[in-house]
Amino acid sequence: IGQAGGRSEISIERIAINIDDARIKDNAGKQP
């Protein structure tokens, strides 16, 4: 389960893609 600020409903994810493209740094300071 994850937070999606801006979404208004429970979002059941259909697909995951093989890419990391971070708009912001993670909590360890990484931004792939």
PDB file of all heavy atoms in Angstrom:
ATOM      1  N   ILE A   1       0.849  -1.190   0.000  1.00  0.00           N
ATOM      2  CA  ILE A   1       0.000   0.000   0.000  1.00  0.00           C
ATOM      3  C   ILE A   1       0.885   1.241   0.000  1.00  0.00           C
ATOM      4  O   ILE A   1       1.904   1.287   0.703  1.00  0.00           O
ATOM      5  CB  ILE A   1      -0.921   0.033   1.236  1.00  0.00           C
ATOM      6  CG1 ILE A   1      -1.594  -1.322   1.465  1.00  0.00           C
ATOM      7  CG2 ILE A   1      -1.948   1.155   1.102  1.00  0.00           C
ATOM      8  CD1 ILE A   1      -2.473  -1.791   0.346  1.00  0.00           C
ATOM      9  N   GLY A   2       0.492   2.244  -0.776  1.00  0.00           N
ATOM     10  CA  GLY A   2       1.258   3.486  -0.830  1.00  0.00           C
ATOM     11  C   GLY A   2       0.362   4.702  -0.916  1.00  0.00           C
ATOM     12  O   GLY A   2      -0.820   4.609  -1.265  1.00  0.00           O
ATOM     13  N   GLN A   3       0.926   5.849  -0.586  1.00  0.00           N
ATOM     14  CA  GLN A   3       0.225   7.135  -0.644  1.00  0.00           C
ATOM     15  C   GLN A   3       0.265   7.702  -2.053  1.00  0.00           C
ATOM     16  O   GLN A   3       1.314   7.723  -2.693  1.00  0.00           O
ATOM     17  CB  GLN A   3       0.893   8.110   0.318  1.00  0.00           C
ATOM     18  CG  GLN A   3       0.471   9.570   0.151  1.00  0.00           C
ATOM     19  CD  GLN A   3       1.365  10.514   0.937  1.00  0.00           C
ATOM     20  OE1 GLN A   3       1.405  10.447   2.155  1.00  0.00           O
ATOM     21  NE2 GLN A   3       2.084  11.380   0.241  1.00  0.00           N
ATOM     22  N   ALA A   4      -0.888   8.180  -2.525  1.00  0.00           N
ATOM     23  CA  ALA A   4      -0.947   8.886  -3.808  1.00  0.00           C
ATOM     24  C   ALA A   4      -1.711  10.182  -3.587  1.00  0.00           C
ATOM     25  O   ALA A   4      -2.920  10.259  -3.823  1.00  0.00           O
ATOM     26  CB  ALA A   4      -1.603   8.033  -4.880  1.00  0.00           C
ATOM     27  N   GLY A   5      -1.013  11.186  -3.083  1.00  0.00           N
ATOM     28  CA  GLY A   5      -1.636  12.478  -2.850  1.00  0.00           C
ATOM     29  C   GLY A   5      -2.185  13.055  -4.142  1.00  0.00           C
ATOM     30  O   GLY A   5      -1.491  13.091  -5.150  1.00  0.00           O
ATOM     31  N   GLY A   6      -3.440  13.474  -4.118  1.00  0.00           N
ATOM     32  CA  GLY A   6      -4.098  14.001  -5.309  1.00  0.00           C
ATOM     33  C   GLY A   6      -5.135  13.050  -5.874  1.00  0.00           C
ATOM     34  O   GLY A   6      -6.050  13.478  -6.567  1.00  0.00           O
ATOM     35  N   ARG A   7      -4.989  11.756  -5.600  1.00  0.00           N
ATOM     36  CA  ARG A   7      -6.016  10.801  -6.033  1.00  0.00           C
ATOM     37  C   ARG A   7      -7.163  10.817  -5.026  1.00  0.00           C
ATOM     38  O   ARG A   7      -6.944  11.026  -3.831  1.00  0.00           O
ATOM     39  CB  ARG A   7      -5.447   9.393  -6.167  1.00  0.00           C
ATOM     40  CG  ARG A   7      -4.384   9.277  -7.251  1.00  0.00           C
ATOM     41  CD  ARG A   7      -4.066   7.823  -7.559  1.00  0.00           C
ATOM     42  NE  ARG A   7      -2.885   7.703  -8.421  1.00  0.00           N
ATOM     43  CZ  ARG A   7      -2.437   6.555  -8.904  1.00  0.00           C
ATOM     44  NH1 ARG A   7      -3.073   5.417  -8.602  1.00  0.00           N
ATOM     45  NH2 ARG A   7      -1.366   6.511  -9.679  1.00  0.00           N
ATOM     46  N   SER A   8      -8.369  10.567  -5.535  1.00  0.00           N
ATOM     47  CA  SER A   8      -9.553  10.688  -4.689  1.00  0.00           C
ATOM     48  C   SER A   8     -10.151   9.362  -4.284  1.00  0.00           C
ATOM     49  O   SER A   8     -11.089   9.336  -3.479  1.00  0.00           O
ATOM     50  CB  SER A   8     -10.628  11.509  -5.423  1.00  0.00           C
ATOM     51  OG  SER A   8     -10.977  10.880  -6.653  1.00  0.00           O
ATOM     52  N   GLU A   9      -9.637   8.240  -4.844  1.00  0.00           N
ATOM     53  CA  GLU A   9     -10.227   6.953  -4.552  1.00  0.00           C
ATOM     54  C   GLU A   9      -9.148   5.917  -4.272  1.00  0.00           C
ATOM     55  O   GLU A   9      -7.964   6.168  -4.463  1.00  0.00           O
ATOM     56  CB  GLU A   9     -11.098   6.485  -5.720  1.00  0.00           C
ATOM     57  CG  GLU A   9     -10.333   6.098  -6.980  1.00  0.00           C
ATOM     58  CD  GLU A   9     -10.072   7.269  -7.902  1.00  0.00           C
ATOM     59  OE1 GLU A   9     -11.045   7.903  -8.338  1.00  0.00           O
ATOM     60  OE2 GLU A   9      -8.907   7.552  -8.207  1.00  0.00           O
ATOM     61  N   ILE A  10      -9.574   4.741  -3.829  1.00  0.00           N
ATOM     62  CA  ILE A  10      -8.669   3.608  -3.717  1.00  0.00           C
ATOM     63  C   ILE A  10      -8.269   3.211  -5.131  1.00  0.00           C
ATOM     64  O   ILE A  10      -9.118   2.947  -5.970  1.00  0.00           O
ATOM     65  CB  ILE A  10      -9.368   2.423  -3.010  1.00  0.00           C
ATOM     66  CG1 ILE A  10      -9.826   2.804  -1.604  1.00  0.00           C
ATOM     67  CG2 ILE A  10      -8.446   1.201  -2.994  1.00  0.00           C
ATOM     68  CD1 ILE A  10      -8.708   3.073  -0.623  1.00  0.00           C
ATOM     69  N   SER A  11      -6.960   3.171  -5.392  1.00  0.00           N
ATOM     70  CA  SER A  11      -6.462   2.874  -6.738  1.00  0.00           C
ATOM     71  C   SER A  11      -5.774   1.513  -6.734  1.00  0.00           C
ATOM     72  O   SER A  11      -4.676   1.364  -6.188  1.00  0.00           O
ATOM     73  CB  SER A  11      -5.460   3.945  -7.189  1.00  0.00           C
ATOM     74  OG  SER A  11      -6.078   5.209  -7.286  1.00  0.00           O
ATOM     75  N   ILE A  12      -6.421   0.531  -7.362  1.00  0.00           N
ATOM     76  CA  ILE A  12      -5.843  -0.802  -7.470  1.00  0.00           C
ATOM     77  C   ILE A  12      -4.957  -0.816  -8.707  1.00  0.00           C
ATOM     78  O   ILE A  12      -5.433  -0.640  -9.829  1.00  0.00           O
ATOM     79  CB  ILE A  12      -6.939  -1.870  -7.591  1.00  0.00           C
ATOM     80  CG1 ILE A  12      -7.931  -1.754  -6.427  1.00  0.00           C
ATOM     81  CG2 ILE A  12      -6.325  -3.266  -7.629  1.00  0.00           C
ATOM     82  CD1 ILE A  12      -9.199  -2.557  -6.626  1.00  0.00           C
ATOM     83  N   GLU A  13      -3.667  -0.995  -8.503  1.00  0.00           N
ATOM     84  CA  GLU A  13      -2.725  -0.884  -9.616  1.00  0.00           C
ATOM     85  C   GLU A  13      -2.731  -2.154 -10.481  1.00  0.00           C
ATOM     86  O   GLU A  13      -2.649  -3.264  -9.981  1.00  0.00           O
ATOM     87  CB  GLU A  13      -1.320  -0.612  -9.095  1.00  0.00           C
ATOM     88  CG  GLU A  13      -1.174   0.687  -8.323  1.00  0.00           C
ATOM     89  CD  GLU A  13      -1.454   1.932  -9.152  1.00  0.00           C
ATOM     90  OE1 GLU A  13      -1.469   1.827 -10.406  1.00  0.00           O
ATOM     91  OE2 GLU A  13      -1.654   3.004  -8.548  1.00  0.00           O
ATOM     92  N   ARG A  14      -2.811  -1.934 -11.784  1.00  0.00           N
ATOM     93  CA  ARG A  14      -2.838  -3.040 -12.726  1.00  0.00           C
ATOM     94  C   ARG A  14      -1.440  -3.497 -13.148  1.00  0.00           C
ATOM     95  O   ARG A  14      -1.196  -4.691 -13.357  1.00  0.00           O
ATOM     96  CB  ARG A  14      -3.606  -2.636 -13.987  1.00  0.00           C
ATOM     97  CG  ARG A  14      -3.863  -3.782 -14.952  1.00  0.00           C
ATOM     98  CD  ARG A  14      -4.247  -3.279 -16.349  1.00  0.00           C
ATOM     99  NE  ARG A  14      -5.424  -2.426 -16.340  1.00  0.00           N
ATOM    100  CZ  ARG A  14      -6.655  -2.826 -16.677  1.00  0.00           C
ATOM    101  NH1 ARG A  14      -6.864  -4.083 -17.004  1.00  0.00           N
ATOM    102  NH2 ARG A  14      -7.660  -1.976 -16.681  1.00  0.00           N
ATOM    103  N   ILE A  15      -0.490  -2.530 -13.265  1.00  0.00           N
ATOM    104  CA  ILE A  15       0.780  -2.836 -13.914  1.00  0.00           C
ATOM    105  C   ILE A  15       1.940  -2.096 -13.256  1.00  0.00           C
ATOM    106  O   ILE A  15       1.781  -0.970 -12.769  1.00  0.00           O
ATOM    107  CB  ILE A  15       0.696  -2.478 -15.421  1.00  0.00           C
ATOM    108  CG1 ILE A  15       1.899  -2.994 -16.188  1.00  0.00           C
ATOM    109  CG2 ILE A  15       0.480  -0.986 -15.609  1.00  0.00           C
ATOM    110  CD1 ILE A  15       1.734  -2.916 -17.697  1.00  0.00           C
ATOM    111  N   ALA A  16       3.091  -2.730 -13.226  1.00  0.00           N
ATOM    112  CA  ALA A  16       4.338  -2.102 -12.759  1.00  0.00           C
ATOM    113  C   ALA A  16       5.332  -2.127 -13.910  1.00  0.00           C
ATOM    114  O   ALA A  16       5.429  -3.130 -14.628  1.00  0.00           O
ATOM    115  CB  ALA A  16       4.903  -2.856 -11.562  1.00  0.00           C
ATOM    116  N   ILE A  17       6.066  -1.051 -14.090  1.00  0.00           N
ATOM    117  CA  ILE A  17       7.026  -0.975 -15.193  1.00  0.00           C
ATOM    118  C   ILE A  17       8.453  -0.963 -14.661  1.00  0.00           C
ATOM    119  O   ILE A  17       8.709  -0.522 -13.538  1.00  0.00           O
ATOM    120  CB  ILE A  17       6.781   0.260 -16.084  1.00  0.00           C
ATOM    121  CG1 ILE A  17       6.869   1.563 -15.275  1.00  0.00           C
ATOM    122  CG2 ILE A  17       5.415   0.150 -16.760  1.00  0.00           C
ATOM    123  CD1 ILE A  17       6.763   2.818 -16.140  1.00  0.00           C
ATOM    124  N   ASN A  18       9.358  -1.434 -15.491  1.00  0.00           N
ATOM    125  CA  ASN A  18      10.755  -1.620 -15.071  1.00  0.00           C
ATOM    126  C   ASN A  18      11.564  -0.339 -15.254  1.00  0.00           C
ATOM    127  O   ASN A  18      12.502  -0.281 -16.049  1.00  0.00           O
ATOM    128  CB  ASN A  18      11.380  -2.773 -15.871  1.00  0.00           C
ATOM    129  CG  ASN A  18      12.720  -3.216 -15.292  1.00  0.00           C
ATOM    130  OD1 ASN A  18      13.088  -2.835 -14.189  1.00  0.00           O
ATOM    131  ND2 ASN A  18      13.451  -4.029 -16.041  1.00  0.00           N
ATOM    132  N   ILE A  19      11.190   0.673 -14.490  1.00  0.00           N
ATOM    133  CA  ILE A  19      11.915   1.949 -14.580  1.00  0.00           C
ATOM    134  C   ILE A  19      11.810   2.705 -13.260  1.00  0.00           C
ATOM    135  O   ILE A  19      10.752   2.740 -12.630  1.00  0.00           O
ATOM    136  CB  ILE A  19      11.379   2.838 -15.732  1.00  0.00           C
ATOM    137  CG1 ILE A  19      12.366   3.964 -16.070  1.00  0.00           C
ATOM    138  CG2 ILE A  19      10.004   3.370 -15.443  1.00  0.00           C
ATOM    139  CD1 ILE A  19      13.590   3.501 -16.787  1.00  0.00           C
ATOM    140  N   ASP A  20      12.926   3.250 -12.829  1.00  0.00           N
ATOM    141  CA  ASP A  20      12.974   4.213 -11.734  1.00  0.00           C
ATOM    142  C   ASP A  20      13.283   5.571 -12.350  1.00  0.00           C
ATOM    143  O   ASP A  20      14.302   5.736 -13.028  1.00  0.00           O
ATOM    144  CB  ASP A  20      14.088   3.870 -10.728  1.00  0.00           C
ATOM    145  CG  ASP A  20      13.801   2.603  -9.942  1.00  0.00           C
ATOM    146  OD1 ASP A  20      12.624   2.276  -9.748  1.00  0.00           O
ATOM    147  OD2 ASP A  20      14.775   1.949  -9.521  1.00  0.00           O
ATOM    148  N   ASP A  21      12.401   6.540 -12.133  1.00  0.00           N
ATOM    149  CA  ASP A  21      12.613   7.893 -12.657  1.00  0.00           C
ATOM    150  C   ASP A  21      12.046   8.855 -11.628  1.00  0.00           C
ATOM    151  O   ASP A  21      10.881   9.247 -11.688  1.00  0.00           O
ATOM    152  CB  ASP A  21      11.923   8.052 -14.017  1.00  0.00           C
ATOM    153  CG  ASP A  21      12.347   9.315 -14.745  1.00  0.00           C
ATOM    154  OD1 ASP A  21      13.285   9.995 -14.275  1.00  0.00           O
ATOM    155  OD2 ASP A  21      11.756   9.625 -15.799  1.00  0.00           O
ATOM    156  N   ALA A  22      12.862   9.198 -10.652  1.00  0.00           N
ATOM    157  CA  ALA A  22      12.398   9.891  -9.455  1.00  0.00           C
ATOM    158  C   ALA A  22      12.338  11.401  -9.642  1.00  0.00           C
ATOM    159  O   ALA A  22      13.357  12.039  -9.920  1.00  0.00           O
ATOM    160  CB  ALA A  22      13.296   9.544  -8.277  1.00  0.00           C
ATOM    161  N   ARG A  23      11.146  11.970  -9.442  1.00  0.00           N
ATOM    162  CA  ARG A  23      10.983  13.423  -9.507  1.00  0.00           C
ATOM    163  C   ARG A  23      11.633  14.090  -8.308  1.00  0.00           C
ATOM    164  O   ARG A  23      12.134  15.218  -8.400  1.00  0.00           O
ATOM    165  CB  ARG A  23       9.497  13.760  -9.581  1.00  0.00           C
ATOM    166  CG  ARG A  23       9.189  15.257  -9.651  1.00  0.00           C
ATOM    167  CD  ARG A  23       7.697  15.498  -9.735  1.00  0.00           C
ATOM    168  NE  ARG A  23       6.983  14.928  -8.602  1.00  0.00           N
ATOM    169  CZ  ARG A  23       6.850  15.520  -7.426  1.00  0.00           C
ATOM    170  NH1 ARG A  23       7.413  16.706  -7.195  1.00  0.00           N
ATOM    171  NH2 ARG A  23       6.161  14.944  -6.452  1.00  0.00           N
ATOM    172  N   ILE A  24      11.608  13.396  -7.149  1.00  0.00           N
ATOM    173  CA  ILE A  24      12.236  13.912  -5.936  1.00  0.00           C
ATOM    174  C   ILE A  24      13.151  12.826  -5.358  1.00  0.00           C
ATOM    175  O   ILE A  24      13.045  11.651  -5.716  1.00  0.00           O
ATOM    176  CB  ILE A  24      11.183  14.308  -4.871  1.00  0.00           C
ATOM    177  CG1 ILE A  24      10.310  13.092  -4.493  1.00  0.00           C
ATOM    178  CG2 ILE A  24      10.337  15.467  -5.365  1.00  0.00           C
ATOM    179  CD1 ILE A  24       9.333  13.353  -3.365  1.00  0.00           C
ATOM    180  N   LYS A  25      14.033  13.215  -4.480  1.00  0.00           N
ATOM    181  CA  LYS A  25      14.918  12.251  -3.825  1.00  0.00           C
ATOM    182  C   LYS A  25      14.129  11.385  -2.863  1.00  0.00           C
ATOM    183  O   LYS A  25      13.122  11.821  -2.290  1.00  0.00           O
ATOM    184  CB  LYS A  25      16.032  12.989  -3.072  1.00  0.00           C
ATOM    185  CG  LYS A  25      17.015  13.722  -3.972  1.00  0.00           C
ATOM    186  CD  LYS A  25      18.087  14.426  -3.160  1.00  0.00           C
ATOM    187  CE  LYS A  25      19.085  15.147  -4.067  1.00  0.00           C
ATOM    188  NZ  LYS A  25      20.130  15.862  -3.283  1.00  0.00           N
ATOM    189  N   ASP A  26      14.594  10.147  -2.683  1.00  0.00           N
ATOM    190  CA  ASP A  26      13.976   9.296  -1.674  1.00  0.00           C
ATOM    191  C   ASP A  26      14.513   9.672  -0.301  1.00  0.00           C
ATOM    192  O   ASP A  26      15.293  10.632  -0.156  1.00  0.00           O
ATOM    193  CB  ASP A  26      14.175   7.810  -2.006  1.00  0.00           C
ATOM    194  CG  ASP A  26      15.633   7.342  -1.848  1.00  0.00           C
ATOM    195  OD1 ASP A  26      16.491   8.114  -1.367  1.00  0.00           O
ATOM    196  OD2 ASP A  26      15.916   6.189  -2.222  1.00  0.00           O
ATOM    197  N   ASN A  27      14.112   8.949   0.725  1.00  0.00           N
ATOM    198  CA  ASN A  27      14.512   9.312   2.091  1.00  0.00           C
ATOM    199  C   ASN A  27      15.979   9.055   2.382  1.00  0.00           C
ATOM    200  O   ASN A  27      16.485   9.449   3.434  1.00  0.00           O
ATOM    201  CB  ASN A  27      13.648   8.563   3.110  1.00  0.00           C
ATOM    202  CG  ASN A  27      12.234   9.121   3.179  1.00  0.00           C
ATOM    203  OD1 ASN A  27      11.915  10.126   2.554  1.00  0.00           O
ATOM    204  ND2 ASN A  27      11.377   8.462   3.941  1.00  0.00           N
ATOM    205  N   ALA A  28      16.673   8.393   1.449  1.00  0.00           N
ATOM    206  CA  ALA A  28      18.116   8.183   1.599  1.00  0.00           C
ATOM    207  C   ALA A  28      18.898   9.145   0.706  1.00  0.00           C
ATOM    208  O   ALA A  28      20.123   9.036   0.606  1.00  0.00           O
ATOM    209  CB  ALA A  28      18.474   6.738   1.246  1.00  0.00           C
ATOM    210  N   GLY A  29      18.185  10.061   0.068  1.00  0.00           N
ATOM    211  CA  GLY A  29      18.848  11.046  -0.783  1.00  0.00           C
ATOM    212  C   GLY A  29      19.136  10.572  -2.195  1.00  0.00           C
ATOM    213  O   GLY A  29      19.824  11.264  -2.949  1.00  0.00           O
ATOM    214  N   LYS A  30      18.595   9.424  -2.580  1.00  0.00           N
ATOM    215  CA  LYS A  30      18.836   8.897  -3.923  1.00  0.00           C
ATOM    216  C   LYS A  30      17.751   9.367  -4.886  1.00  0.00           C
ATOM    217  O   LYS A  30      16.577   9.454  -4.515  1.00  0.00           O
ATOM    218  CB  LYS A  30      18.887   7.369  -3.894  1.00  0.00           C
ATOM    219  CG  LYS A  30      20.044   6.811  -3.085  1.00  0.00           C
ATOM    220  CD  LYS A  30      20.045   5.289  -3.090  1.00  0.00           C
ATOM    221  CE  LYS A  30      21.208   4.729  -2.278  1.00  0.00           C
ATOM    222  NZ  LYS A  30      21.197   3.239  -2.232  1.00  0.00           N
ATOM    223  N   GLN A  31      18.157   9.627  -6.121  1.00  0.00           N
ATOM    224  CA  GLN A  31      17.220  10.086  -7.140  1.00  0.00           C
ATOM    225  C   GLN A  31      17.572   9.450  -8.485  1.00  0.00           C
ATOM    226  O   GLN A  31      18.093  10.111  -9.383  1.00  0.00           O
ATOM    227  CB  GLN A  31      17.230  11.615  -7.243  1.00  0.00           C
ATOM    228  CG  GLN A  31      16.116  12.168  -8.134  1.00  0.00           C
ATOM    229  CD  GLN A  31      16.095  13.690  -8.127  1.00  0.00           C
ATOM    230  OE1 GLN A  31      16.991  14.342  -7.588  1.00  0.00           O
ATOM    231  NE2 GLN A  31      15.052  14.256  -8.727  1.00  0.00           N
ATOM    232  N   PRO A  32      17.291   8.150  -8.649  1.00  0.00           N
ATOM    233  CA  PRO A  32      17.601   7.489  -9.916  1.00  0.00           C
ATOM    234  C   PRO A  32      16.768   8.063 -11.060  1.00  0.00           C
ATOM    235  O   PRO A  32      15.598   8.399 -10.879  1.00  0.00           O
ATOM    236  CB  PRO A  32      17.241   6.028  -9.648  1.00  0.00           C
ATOM    237  CG  PRO A  32      16.239   6.082  -8.545  1.00  0.00           C
ATOM    238  CD  PRO A  32      16.639   7.242  -7.690  1.00  0.00           C
TER     239      PRO A  32
END
